[in-house]
Amino acid sequence: MKINVDRERCVGAGQCVLAAPAVFEQNREDGLVELLQPEPSEDLHAAVTEAELICPSGAIELQS
């Protein structure tokens, strides 16, 4: 799994951070998504999938 994030679409809701804190973080300056692990291990896939689904702006894209 590969993750792409679109910081321009991000609204800083932080739902991704709550769902998968090992993979996503919010930038301290602008509050937008920061990707910590562009290719997370398999044990994180469920949390990353949840983060994609609950992102209010659709800023997270997953590729298999």
C-alpha atoms as a PDB file:
ATOM      1  CA  MET A   1       0.000   0.000   0.000  1.00  0.00           C
ATOM      2  CA  LYS A   2       1.167   3.481  -0.916  1.00  0.00           C
ATOM      3  CA  ILE A   3      -0.344   6.670   0.433  1.00  0.00           C
ATOM      4  CA  ASN A   4      -0.610  10.007  -1.291  1.00  0.00           C
ATOM      5  CA  VAL A   5      -1.875  13.105   0.495  1.00  0.00           C
ATOM      6  CA  ASP A   6      -3.021  16.329  -1.097  1.00  0.00           C
ATOM      7  CA  ARG A   7      -2.144  19.095   1.347  1.00  0.00           C
ATOM      8  CA  GLU A   8      -4.024  21.617  -0.806  1.00  0.00           C
ATOM      9  CA  ARG A   9      -7.284  19.691  -0.255  1.00  0.00           C
ATOM     10  CA  CYS A  10      -6.630  19.103   3.456  1.00  0.00           C
ATOM     11  CA  VAL A  11      -8.795  21.152   5.824  1.00  0.00           C
ATOM     12  CA  GLY A  12      -6.863  20.262   8.981  1.00  0.00           C
ATOM     13  CA  ALA A  13      -9.655  18.270  10.653  1.00  0.00           C
ATOM     14  CA  GLY A  14      -7.121  15.816  12.096  1.00  0.00           C
ATOM     15  CA  GLN A  15      -9.270  12.718  11.646  1.00  0.00           C
ATOM     16  CA  CYS A  16      -6.395  10.905   9.938  1.00  0.00           C
ATOM     17  CA  VAL A  17      -4.155  11.532  12.932  1.00  0.00           C
ATOM     18  CA  LEU A  18      -6.775  10.104  15.281  1.00  0.00           C
ATOM     19  CA  ALA A  19      -7.240   7.002  13.093  1.00  0.00           C
ATOM     20  CA  ALA A  20      -3.572   6.326  12.298  1.00  0.00           C
ATOM     21  CA  PRO A  21      -1.170   8.399  14.430  1.00  0.00           C
ATOM     22  CA  ALA A  22       1.832   6.314  13.364  1.00  0.00           C
ATOM     23  CA  VAL A  23       1.227   7.302   9.734  1.00  0.00           C
ATOM     24  CA  PHE A  24      -0.203  10.837   9.815  1.00  0.00           C
ATOM     25  CA  GLU A  25       0.587  13.994  11.738  1.00  0.00           C
ATOM     26  CA  GLN A  26      -0.648  17.573  11.625  1.00  0.00           C
ATOM     27  CA  ASN A  27       1.871  20.251  10.757  1.00  0.00           C
ATOM     28  CA  ARG A  28       2.395  22.535  13.751  1.00  0.00           C
ATOM     29  CA  GLU A  29       2.407  25.690  11.672  1.00  0.00           C
ATOM     30  CA  ASP A  30      -0.592  25.270   9.375  1.00  0.00           C
ATOM     31  CA  GLY A  31      -2.433  22.266  10.863  1.00  0.00           C
ATOM     32  CA  LEU A  32      -2.424  20.377   7.584  1.00  0.00           C
ATOM     33  CA  VAL A  33      -1.637  16.704   7.125  1.00  0.00           C
ATOM     34  CA  GLU A  34       1.942  15.448   7.188  1.00  0.00           C
ATOM     35  CA  LEU A  35       2.664  11.935   5.950  1.00  0.00           C
ATOM     36  CA  LEU A  36       5.040  10.059   8.243  1.00  0.00           C
ATOM     37  CA  GLN A  37       4.987   6.701   6.436  1.00  0.00           C
ATOM     38  CA  PRO A  38       4.203   6.740   2.692  1.00  0.00           C
ATOM     39  CA  GLU A  39       4.330   2.921   2.609  1.00  0.00           C
ATOM     40  CA  PRO A  40       3.092   1.682   6.004  1.00  0.00           C
ATOM     41  CA  SER A  41       3.501  -1.886   7.201  1.00  0.00           C
ATOM     42  CA  GLU A  42       0.611  -4.297   6.771  1.00  0.00           C
ATOM     43  CA  ASP A  43      -0.411  -4.067  10.422  1.00  0.00           C
ATOM     44  CA  LEU A  44      -1.316  -0.390   9.823  1.00  0.00           C
ATOM     45  CA  HIS A  45      -3.388  -0.931   6.667  1.00  0.00           C
ATOM     46  CA  ALA A  46      -6.761  -1.101   8.445  1.00  0.00           C
ATOM     47  CA  ALA A  47      -6.119   2.156  10.311  1.00  0.00           C
ATOM     48  CA  VAL A  48      -4.929   3.884   7.131  1.00  0.00           C
ATOM     49  CA  THR A  49      -7.993   2.693   5.235  1.00  0.00           C
ATOM     50  CA  GLU A  50     -10.186   4.103   8.005  1.00  0.00           C
ATOM     51  CA  ALA A  51      -8.310   7.410   7.810  1.00  0.00           C
ATOM     52  CA  GLU A  52      -8.966   7.610   4.079  1.00  0.00           C
ATOM     53  CA  LEU A  53     -12.673   6.897   4.572  1.00  0.00           C
ATOM     54  CA  ILE A  54     -13.195   9.481   7.325  1.00  0.00           C
ATOM     55  CA  CYS A  55     -11.145  12.300   5.801  1.00  0.00           C
ATOM     56  CA  PRO A  56     -13.728  15.069   5.282  1.00  0.00           C
ATOM     57  CA  SER A  57     -11.853  16.628   2.365  1.00  0.00           C
ATOM     58  CA  GLY A  58     -10.783  13.474   0.535  1.00  0.00           C
ATOM     59  CA  ALA A  59      -7.135  14.479   0.797  1.00  0.00           C
ATOM     60  CA  ILE A  60      -5.889  10.895   1.303  1.00  0.00           C
ATOM     61  CA  GLU A  61      -5.482   8.510  -1.623  1.00  0.00           C
ATOM     62  CA  LEU A  62      -4.450   4.870  -1.235  1.00  0.00           C
ATOM     63  CA  GLN A  63      -2.812   2.744  -3.898  1.00  0.00           C
ATOM     64  CA  SER A  64      -2.384  -1.002  -3.646  1.00  0.00           C
END
